[in-house]
């Protein structure tokens, strides 16, 4: 989540960590630092997850707002824009990013009060437009599901769009610029969202919208060699995964 409260330390640590995760060298490299020893790194939570009102947790309804009493929104961005999105190594950027649950109170110029995963300003205008991020945007888990009956119940986290249907939430997130839905393996509300967009914008527009996300997702598979060689040797995996020496 973070490497500490100092944004300079968090920036340097994020950059080094992601460079190490994503970079392959020598015969293991496919192209531009990516290769068979690379791991796609997902950085979270854009644009900073430590701003919960009163220190409350956004996994519950009582923590749905992110606030900036010191007018320090820009400070929250630094580990992303100077670290995760400006790597020293050849892979250039973290391959995926996850927006946070919270509503960034009083930060969107258009006055919208929706969580980051539904915010066109936070994803398309700021992340992709201003800061030129090219990778996958994956929602945090369960943002399209219904919330609990009371704020203390751990359930869905549709902050700011509680009154919309599940299908409408998927559509809003897609139009905000989301590529992947965290915690959702059900294609039905995604197909329903496609039909909503098709009715509003036409088939060509929605096909292009979906294909844009498909390209980003497939690229992350191609660049680590999963398409060319998707098979693993179980014996090798048993030696590597959870190896006590590596853990130490």
C-alpha atoms as a PDB file:
ATOM      1  CA  UNK A   1       0.000   0.000   0.000  1.00  0.00           C
ATOM      2  CA  UNK A   2       2.720   2.453   0.977  1.00  0.00           C
ATOM      3  CA  UNK A   3       6.360   2.566   2.033  1.00  0.00           C
ATOM      4  CA  UNK A   4       5.778   5.176   4.718  1.00  0.00           C
ATOM      5  CA  UNK A   5       4.410   8.631   5.374  1.00  0.00           C
ATOM      6  CA  UNK A   6       7.230  10.467   3.564  1.00  0.00           C
ATOM      7  CA  UNK A   7       6.181  10.943  -0.098  1.00  0.00           C
ATOM      8  CA  UNK A   8       9.827  11.142  -1.192  1.00  0.00           C
ATOM      9  CA  UNK A   9      10.637   7.775   0.371  1.00  0.00           C
ATOM     10  CA  UNK A  10       7.432   6.249  -1.006  1.00  0.00           C
ATOM     11  CA  UNK A  11       8.307   7.579  -4.470  1.00  0.00           C
ATOM     12  CA  UNK A  12      11.835   6.147  -4.476  1.00  0.00           C
ATOM     13  CA  UNK A  13      10.758   2.821  -3.015  1.00  0.00           C
ATOM     14  CA  UNK A  14       7.863   2.422  -5.452  1.00  0.00           C
ATOM     15  CA  UNK A  15      10.125   3.140  -8.415  1.00  0.00           C
ATOM     16  CA  UNK A  16      12.766   0.646  -7.275  1.00  0.00           C
ATOM     17  CA  UNK A  17      10.239  -2.040  -6.369  1.00  0.00           C
ATOM     18  CA  UNK A  18       8.416  -1.845  -9.709  1.00  0.00           C
ATOM     19  CA  UNK A  19      11.642  -1.714 -11.708  1.00  0.00           C
ATOM     20  CA  UNK A  20      12.739  -4.890  -9.954  1.00  0.00           C
ATOM     21  CA  UNK A  21       9.408  -6.626 -10.489  1.00  0.00           C
ATOM     22  CA  UNK A  22       8.983  -5.764 -14.145  1.00  0.00           C
ATOM     23  CA  UNK A  23      12.484  -5.867 -15.640  1.00  0.00           C
ATOM     24  CA  UNK A  24      13.901  -8.912 -17.425  1.00  0.00           C
ATOM     25  CA  UNK A  25      17.464  -8.998 -18.732  1.00  0.00           C
ATOM     26  CA  UNK A  26      19.625 -10.946 -21.163  1.00  0.00           C
ATOM     27  CA  UNK A  27      18.070 -13.982 -22.808  1.00  0.00           C
ATOM     28  CA  UNK A  28      15.001 -13.616 -20.594  1.00  0.00           C
ATOM     29  CA  UNK A  29      14.107 -10.252 -22.165  1.00  0.00           C
ATOM     30  CA  UNK A  30      11.507 -10.108 -24.936  1.00  0.00           C
ATOM     31  CA  UNK A  31      11.447  -6.360 -25.625  1.00  0.00           C
ATOM     32  CA  UNK A  32      11.869  -3.042 -23.798  1.00  0.00           C
ATOM     33  CA  UNK A  33      12.847  -4.722 -20.546  1.00  0.00           C
ATOM     34  CA  UNK A  34       9.819  -6.980 -20.539  1.00  0.00           C
ATOM     35  CA  UNK A  35      10.285 -10.721 -20.625  1.00  0.00           C
ATOM     36  CA  UNK A  36       9.968 -14.135 -19.052  1.00  0.00           C
ATOM     37  CA  UNK A  37      11.167 -13.006 -15.614  1.00  0.00           C
ATOM     38  CA  UNK A  38       8.933  -9.933 -15.545  1.00  0.00           C
ATOM     39  CA  UNK A  39       5.917  -9.532 -13.275  1.00  0.00           C
ATOM     40  CA  UNK A  40       3.224  -6.996 -14.129  1.00  0.00           C
ATOM     41  CA  UNK A  41       3.049  -4.577 -11.196  1.00  0.00           C
ATOM     42  CA  UNK A  42      -0.270  -3.018 -10.186  1.00  0.00           C
ATOM     43  CA  UNK A  43       0.175   0.173  -8.167  1.00  0.00           C
ATOM     44  CA  UNK A  44      -2.520   1.297  -5.779  1.00  0.00           C
ATOM     45  CA  UNK A  45      -4.465   3.179  -4.782  1.00  0.00           C
ATOM     46  CA  UNK A  46      -4.716   6.070  -7.249  1.00  0.00           C
ATOM     47  CA  UNK A  47      -4.589   8.962  -6.442  1.00  0.00           C
ATOM     48  CA  UNK A  48      -3.601   8.108  -2.870  1.00  0.00           C
ATOM     49  CA  UNK A  49      -5.406   5.954  -0.329  1.00  0.00           C
ATOM     50  CA  UNK A  50      -4.295   7.543   2.934  1.00  0.00           C
ATOM     51  CA  UNK A  51      -6.702  10.467   3.011  1.00  0.00           C
ATOM     52  CA  UNK A  52      -9.739   8.846   4.627  1.00  0.00           C
ATOM     53  CA  UNK A  53     -11.877  11.292   6.583  1.00  0.00           C
ATOM     54  CA  UNK A  54     -11.029  10.925  10.256  1.00  0.00           C
ATOM     55  CA  UNK A  55      -8.690   8.058   9.399  1.00  0.00           C
ATOM     56  CA  UNK A  56     -11.642   5.810   8.632  1.00  0.00           C
ATOM     57  CA  UNK A  57     -11.425   2.790   6.325  1.00  0.00           C
ATOM     58  CA  UNK A  58     -13.108   3.069   2.907  1.00  0.00           C
ATOM     59  CA  UNK A  59     -13.942  -0.637   2.881  1.00  0.00           C
ATOM     60  CA  UNK A  60     -16.962   0.415   4.964  1.00  0.00           C
ATOM     61  CA  UNK A  61     -19.553   3.096   4.222  1.00  0.00           C
ATOM     62  CA  UNK A  62     -18.444   5.226   7.155  1.00  0.00           C
ATOM     63  CA  UNK A  63     -15.127   5.790   5.351  1.00  0.00           C
ATOM     64  CA  UNK A  64     -16.358   6.660   1.869  1.00  0.00           C
ATOM     65  CA  UNK A  65     -14.805  10.151   1.712  1.00  0.00           C
ATOM     66  CA  UNK A  66     -11.188  11.146   1.126  1.00  0.00           C
ATOM     67  CA  UNK A  67     -10.407  14.669   2.396  1.00  0.00           C
ATOM     68  CA  UNK A  68      -7.498  17.066   2.061  1.00  0.00           C
ATOM     69  CA  UNK A  69      -7.567  19.495   5.008  1.00  0.00           C
ATOM     70  CA  UNK A  70      -3.995  20.614   4.295  1.00  0.00           C
ATOM     71  CA  UNK A  71      -4.761  21.182   0.607  1.00  0.00           C
ATOM     72  CA  UNK A  72      -2.281  18.396  -0.128  1.00  0.00           C
ATOM     73  CA  UNK A  73      -3.920  16.554  -3.021  1.00  0.00           C
ATOM     74  CA  UNK A  74      -0.843  17.020  -5.212  1.00  0.00           C
ATOM     75  CA  UNK A  75       1.398  15.552  -2.532  1.00  0.00           C
ATOM     76  CA  UNK A  76      -0.592  12.313  -2.685  1.00  0.00           C
ATOM     77  CA  UNK A  77       0.175  12.008  -6.412  1.00  0.00           C
ATOM     78  CA  UNK A  78       3.956  12.113  -6.145  1.00  0.00           C
ATOM     79  CA  UNK A  79       4.670   8.404  -5.563  1.00  0.00           C
ATOM     80  CA  UNK A  80       2.657   7.718  -8.709  1.00  0.00           C
ATOM     81  CA  UNK A  81       3.740  10.426 -11.134  1.00  0.00           C
ATOM     82  CA  UNK A  82       7.410  10.577 -10.067  1.00  0.00           C
ATOM     83  CA  UNK A  83       7.769   6.944  -9.042  1.00  0.00           C
ATOM     84  CA  UNK A  84       5.426   4.317 -10.490  1.00  0.00           C
ATOM     85  CA  UNK A  85       4.867   6.180 -13.744  1.00  0.00           C
ATOM     86  CA  UNK A  86       8.460   7.379 -14.198  1.00  0.00           C
ATOM     87  CA  UNK A  87      10.641   4.327 -13.761  1.00  0.00           C
ATOM     88  CA  UNK A  88      14.410   4.286 -14.165  1.00  0.00           C
ATOM     89  CA  UNK A  89      14.233   0.944 -15.966  1.00  0.00           C
ATOM     90  CA  UNK A  90      13.157   0.229 -19.557  1.00  0.00           C
ATOM     91  CA  UNK A  91       9.565  -0.821 -18.773  1.00  0.00           C
ATOM     92  CA  UNK A  92       8.793   2.882 -18.150  1.00  0.00           C
ATOM     93  CA  UNK A  93       5.564   2.581 -16.111  1.00  0.00           C
ATOM     94  CA  UNK A  94       3.789   0.213 -13.749  1.00  0.00           C
ATOM     95  CA  UNK A  95       1.658  -1.967 -15.989  1.00  0.00           C
ATOM     96  CA  UNK A  96      -1.567  -1.527 -14.004  1.00  0.00           C
ATOM     97  CA  UNK A  97      -3.123   0.873 -11.519  1.00  0.00           C
ATOM     98  CA  UNK A  98      -6.058   0.553  -9.120  1.00  0.00           C
ATOM     99  CA  UNK A  99      -8.160   3.595  -8.170  1.00  0.00           C
ATOM    100  CA  UNK A 100      -9.211   3.749  -4.532  1.00  0.00           C
ATOM    101  CA  UNK A 101     -12.679   3.351  -3.051  1.00  0.00           C
ATOM    102  CA  UNK A 102     -13.042   6.865  -1.702  1.00  0.00           C
ATOM    103  CA  UNK A 103     -14.730   9.948  -3.072  1.00  0.00           C
ATOM    104  CA  UNK A 104     -12.082  12.684  -3.248  1.00  0.00           C
ATOM    105  CA  UNK A 105     -14.127  15.411  -1.628  1.00  0.00           C
ATOM    106  CA  UNK A 106     -14.113  18.776  -3.415  1.00  0.00           C
ATOM    107  CA  UNK A 107     -11.398  17.794  -5.923  1.00  0.00           C
ATOM    108  CA  UNK A 108     -13.210  17.183  -9.229  1.00  0.00           C
ATOM    109  CA  UNK A 109     -13.558  20.453 -11.205  1.00  0.00           C
ATOM    110  CA  UNK A 110     -16.968  19.357 -12.495  1.00  0.00           C
ATOM    111  CA  UNK A 111     -18.242  19.009  -8.944  1.00  0.00           C
ATOM    112  CA  UNK A 112     -19.017  15.277  -9.181  1.00  0.00           C
ATOM    113  CA  UNK A 113     -19.014  13.343  -5.925  1.00  0.00           C
ATOM    114  CA  UNK A 114     -18.349   9.763  -7.009  1.00  0.00           C
ATOM    115  CA  UNK A 115     -15.610   7.343  -6.021  1.00  0.00           C
ATOM    116  CA  UNK A 116     -12.428   7.244  -8.080  1.00  0.00           C
ATOM    117  CA  UNK A 117     -13.466   4.126  -9.969  1.00  0.00           C
ATOM    118  CA  UNK A 118     -16.473   6.002 -11.365  1.00  0.00           C
ATOM    119  CA  UNK A 119     -14.737   9.340 -11.896  1.00  0.00           C
ATOM    120  CA  UNK A 120     -13.960  10.358 -15.455  1.00  0.00           C
ATOM    121  CA  UNK A 121     -11.930  13.222 -14.067  1.00  0.00           C
ATOM    122  CA  UNK A 122      -9.704  10.998 -11.902  1.00  0.00           C
ATOM    123  CA  UNK A 123      -9.156   8.306 -14.543  1.00  0.00           C
ATOM    124  CA  UNK A 124      -9.464   9.840 -18.003  1.00  0.00           C
ATOM    125  CA  UNK A 125      -8.662  13.528 -17.440  1.00  0.00           C
ATOM    126  CA  UNK A 126      -6.021  13.239 -14.715  1.00  0.00           C
ATOM    127  CA  UNK A 127      -4.472   9.764 -14.919  1.00  0.00           C
ATOM    128  CA  UNK A 128      -4.515   9.255 -18.663  1.00  0.00           C
ATOM    129  CA  UNK A 129      -4.762  12.815 -19.947  1.00  0.00           C
ATOM    130  CA  UNK A 130      -2.509  14.911 -17.724  1.00  0.00           C
ATOM    131  CA  UNK A 131      -0.095  12.196 -16.592  1.00  0.00           C
ATOM    132  CA  UNK A 132      -0.086  10.092 -19.798  1.00  0.00           C
ATOM    133  CA  UNK A 133      -0.632   6.738 -18.123  1.00  0.00           C
ATOM    134  CA  UNK A 134      -0.903   3.952 -20.719  1.00  0.00           C
ATOM    135  CA  UNK A 135      -1.495   0.771 -18.710  1.00  0.00           C
ATOM    136  CA  UNK A 136      -4.492  -1.108 -17.342  1.00  0.00           C
ATOM    137  CA  UNK A 137      -6.919   0.530 -14.910  1.00  0.00           C
ATOM    138  CA  UNK A 138      -8.520  -2.062 -12.623  1.00  0.00           C
ATOM    139  CA  UNK A 139     -11.207  -1.126 -10.128  1.00  0.00           C
ATOM    140  CA  UNK A 140     -10.866  -1.904  -6.461  1.00  0.00           C
ATOM    141  CA  UNK A 141     -12.831  -4.949  -5.344  1.00  0.00           C
ATOM    142  CA  UNK A 142     -16.604  -4.824  -5.251  1.00  0.00           C
ATOM    143  CA  UNK A 143     -17.301  -1.234  -6.274  1.00  0.00           C
ATOM    144  CA  UNK A 144     -20.250  -2.257  -8.457  1.00  0.00           C
ATOM    145  CA  UNK A 145     -21.947  -4.395  -5.781  1.00  0.00           C
ATOM    146  CA  UNK A 146     -24.649  -3.151  -3.408  1.00  0.00           C
ATOM    147  CA  UNK A 147     -23.651  -1.776  -0.008  1.00  0.00           C
ATOM    148  CA  UNK A 148     -24.796  -3.249   3.287  1.00  0.00           C
ATOM    149  CA  UNK A 149     -27.955  -2.180   5.091  1.00  0.00           C
ATOM    150  CA  UNK A 150     -25.909  -0.297   7.698  1.00  0.00           C
ATOM    151  CA  UNK A 151     -22.458   1.342   7.448  1.00  0.00           C
ATOM    152  CA  UNK A 152     -20.793  -1.270   9.645  1.00  0.00           C
ATOM    153  CA  UNK A 153     -21.573  -4.144   7.247  1.00  0.00           C
ATOM    154  CA  UNK A 154     -18.774  -5.285   4.952  1.00  0.00           C
ATOM    155  CA  UNK A 155     -20.369  -5.507   1.501  1.00  0.00           C
ATOM    156  CA  UNK A 156     -20.229  -3.674  -1.831  1.00  0.00           C
ATOM    157  CA  UNK A 157     -18.600  -0.258  -2.054  1.00  0.00           C
ATOM    158  CA  UNK A 158     -20.481   1.786  -4.689  1.00  0.00           C
ATOM    159  CA  UNK A 159     -19.632   5.097  -3.045  1.00  0.00           C
ATOM    160  CA  UNK A 160     -21.385   8.013  -4.666  1.00  0.00           C
ATOM    161  CA  UNK A 161     -23.501   5.827  -6.966  1.00  0.00           C
ATOM    162  CA  UNK A 162     -25.456   3.852  -4.377  1.00  0.00           C
ATOM    163  CA  UNK A 163     -28.776   4.571  -6.099  1.00  0.00           C
ATOM    164  CA  UNK A 164     -27.689   3.245  -9.508  1.00  0.00           C
ATOM    165  CA  UNK A 165     -28.253  -0.353 -10.568  1.00  0.00           C
ATOM    166  CA  UNK A 166     -25.332  -2.800 -10.748  1.00  0.00           C
ATOM    167  CA  UNK A 167     -25.452  -2.577 -14.556  1.00  0.00           C
ATOM    168  CA  UNK A 168     -25.462   1.235 -14.485  1.00  0.00           C
ATOM    169  CA  UNK A 169     -22.442   1.221 -12.158  1.00  0.00           C
ATOM    170  CA  UNK A 170     -20.518  -0.949 -14.611  1.00  0.00           C
ATOM    171  CA  UNK A 171     -21.440   1.417 -17.407  1.00  0.00           C
ATOM    172  CA  UNK A 172     -20.380   4.507 -15.457  1.00  0.00           C
ATOM    173  CA  UNK A 173     -17.013   2.912 -14.618  1.00  0.00           C
ATOM    174  CA  UNK A 174     -16.441   1.941 -18.255  1.00  0.00           C
ATOM    175  CA  UNK A 175     -17.205   5.468 -19.385  1.00  0.00           C
ATOM    176  CA  UNK A 176     -14.830   6.798 -16.737  1.00  0.00           C
ATOM    177  CA  UNK A 177     -12.033   4.761 -18.332  1.00  0.00           C
ATOM    178  CA  UNK A 178     -11.877   1.485 -16.379  1.00  0.00           C
ATOM    179  CA  UNK A 179     -10.455  -1.562 -18.194  1.00  0.00           C
ATOM    180  CA  UNK A 180     -11.034  -4.328 -15.642  1.00  0.00           C
ATOM    181  CA  UNK A 181     -13.462  -4.948 -12.780  1.00  0.00           C
ATOM    182  CA  UNK A 182     -11.838  -6.143  -9.583  1.00  0.00           C
ATOM    183  CA  UNK A 183     -13.722  -8.865  -7.762  1.00  0.00           C
ATOM    184  CA  UNK A 184     -16.272  -9.474 -10.528  1.00  0.00           C
ATOM    185  CA  UNK A 185     -16.214 -12.647 -12.615  1.00  0.00           C
ATOM    186  CA  UNK A 186     -19.754 -12.213 -13.934  1.00  0.00           C
ATOM    187  CA  UNK A 187     -19.931 -10.987 -17.516  1.00  0.00           C
ATOM    188  CA  UNK A 188     -23.691 -10.276 -17.501  1.00  0.00           C
ATOM    189  CA  UNK A 189     -23.587  -6.731 -16.014  1.00  0.00           C
ATOM    190  CA  UNK A 190     -20.667  -5.883 -18.318  1.00  0.00           C
ATOM    191  CA  UNK A 191     -22.631  -6.985 -21.380  1.00  0.00           C
ATOM    192  CA  UNK A 192     -25.617  -5.031 -20.061  1.00  0.00           C
ATOM    193  CA  UNK A 193     -23.370  -1.961 -19.750  1.00  0.00           C
ATOM    194  CA  UNK A 194     -22.281  -2.477 -23.362  1.00  0.00           C
ATOM    195  CA  UNK A 195     -25.919  -2.400 -24.467  1.00  0.00           C
ATOM    196  CA  UNK A 196     -26.545   0.791 -22.491  1.00  0.00           C
ATOM    197  CA  UNK A 197     -23.613   2.424 -24.277  1.00  0.00           C
ATOM    198  CA  UNK A 198     -24.630   1.032 -27.645  1.00  0.00           C
ATOM    199  CA  UNK A 199     -28.036   2.641 -27.247  1.00  0.00           C
ATOM    200  CA  UNK A 200     -26.492   5.979 -26.269  1.00  0.00           C
ATOM    201  CA  UNK A 201     -23.435   6.126 -28.541  1.00  0.00           C
ATOM    202  CA  UNK A 202     -23.859   3.414 -31.170  1.00  0.00           C
ATOM    203  CA  UNK A 203     -22.223   0.047 -31.846  1.00  0.00           C
ATOM    204  CA  UNK A 204     -19.008   1.394 -33.387  1.00  0.00           C
ATOM    205  CA  UNK A 205     -18.262   3.575 -30.379  1.00  0.00           C
ATOM    206  CA  UNK A 206     -18.817   0.834 -27.818  1.00  0.00           C
ATOM    207  CA  UNK A 207     -16.897  -1.756 -29.834  1.00  0.00           C
ATOM    208  CA  UNK A 208     -13.931   0.611 -29.960  1.00  0.00           C
ATOM    209  CA  UNK A 209     -14.288   1.313 -26.240  1.00  0.00           C
ATOM    210  CA  UNK A 210     -14.162  -2.393 -25.359  1.00  0.00           C
ATOM    211  CA  UNK A 211     -11.346  -3.147 -27.798  1.00  0.00           C
ATOM    212  CA  UNK A 212      -9.237  -0.367 -26.281  1.00  0.00           C
ATOM    213  CA  UNK A 213      -9.394  -2.103 -22.904  1.00  0.00           C
ATOM    214  CA  UNK A 214      -8.844  -5.523 -24.478  1.00  0.00           C
ATOM    215  CA  UNK A 215      -5.613  -4.312 -26.079  1.00  0.00           C
ATOM    216  CA  UNK A 216      -4.288  -3.032 -22.758  1.00  0.00           C
ATOM    217  CA  UNK A 217      -5.137  -6.284 -20.970  1.00  0.00           C
ATOM    218  CA  UNK A 218      -3.679  -8.509 -23.689  1.00  0.00           C
ATOM    219  CA  UNK A 219      -0.497  -6.438 -23.840  1.00  0.00           C
ATOM    220  CA  UNK A 220       0.189  -7.279 -20.199  1.00  0.00           C
ATOM    221  CA  UNK A 221      -0.040 -10.973 -21.090  1.00  0.00           C
ATOM    222  CA  UNK A 222       2.114 -10.684 -24.198  1.00  0.00           C
ATOM    223  CA  UNK A 223       4.909  -8.655 -22.629  1.00  0.00           C
ATOM    224  CA  UNK A 224       5.664 -11.273 -19.960  1.00  0.00           C
ATOM    225  CA  UNK A 225       5.530 -14.165 -22.432  1.00  0.00           C
ATOM    226  CA  UNK A 226       2.294 -15.737 -21.216  1.00  0.00           C
ATOM    227  CA  UNK A 227       0.874 -15.999 -24.716  1.00  0.00           C
ATOM    228  CA  UNK A 228       3.877 -17.757 -26.243  1.00  0.00           C
ATOM    229  CA  UNK A 229       4.432 -20.086 -23.287  1.00  0.00           C
ATOM    230  CA  UNK A 230       1.505 -20.251 -20.837  1.00  0.00           C
ATOM    231  CA  UNK A 231       2.526 -23.566 -19.270  1.00  0.00           C
ATOM    232  CA  UNK A 232       4.445 -24.087 -16.045  1.00  0.00           C
ATOM    233  CA  UNK A 233       6.393 -27.022 -14.662  1.00  0.00           C
ATOM    234  CA  UNK A 234       4.640 -27.820 -11.349  1.00  0.00           C
ATOM    235  CA  UNK A 235       7.878 -29.186  -9.904  1.00  0.00           C
ATOM    236  CA  UNK A 236       9.707 -25.926 -10.542  1.00  0.00           C
ATOM    237  CA  UNK A 237       6.778 -23.943  -9.114  1.00  0.00           C
ATOM    238  CA  UNK A 238       6.887 -26.000  -5.901  1.00  0.00           C
ATOM    239  CA  UNK A 239      10.566 -25.162  -5.497  1.00  0.00           C
ATOM    240  CA  UNK A 240      10.097 -21.450  -6.121  1.00  0.00           C
ATOM    241  CA  UNK A 241       6.742 -20.407  -4.607  1.00  0.00           C
ATOM    242  CA  UNK A 242       7.028 -19.838  -0.878  1.00  0.00           C
ATOM    243  CA  UNK A 243      10.643 -20.965  -0.849  1.00  0.00           C
ATOM    244  CA  UNK A 244      11.884 -20.360   2.736  1.00  0.00           C
ATOM    245  CA  UNK A 245      15.266 -19.113   1.519  1.00  0.00           C
ATOM    246  CA  UNK A 246      13.624 -16.579  -0.787  1.00  0.00           C
ATOM    247  CA  UNK A 247      11.209 -15.531   1.944  1.00  0.00           C
ATOM    248  CA  UNK A 248      14.158 -14.914   4.280  1.00  0.00           C
END
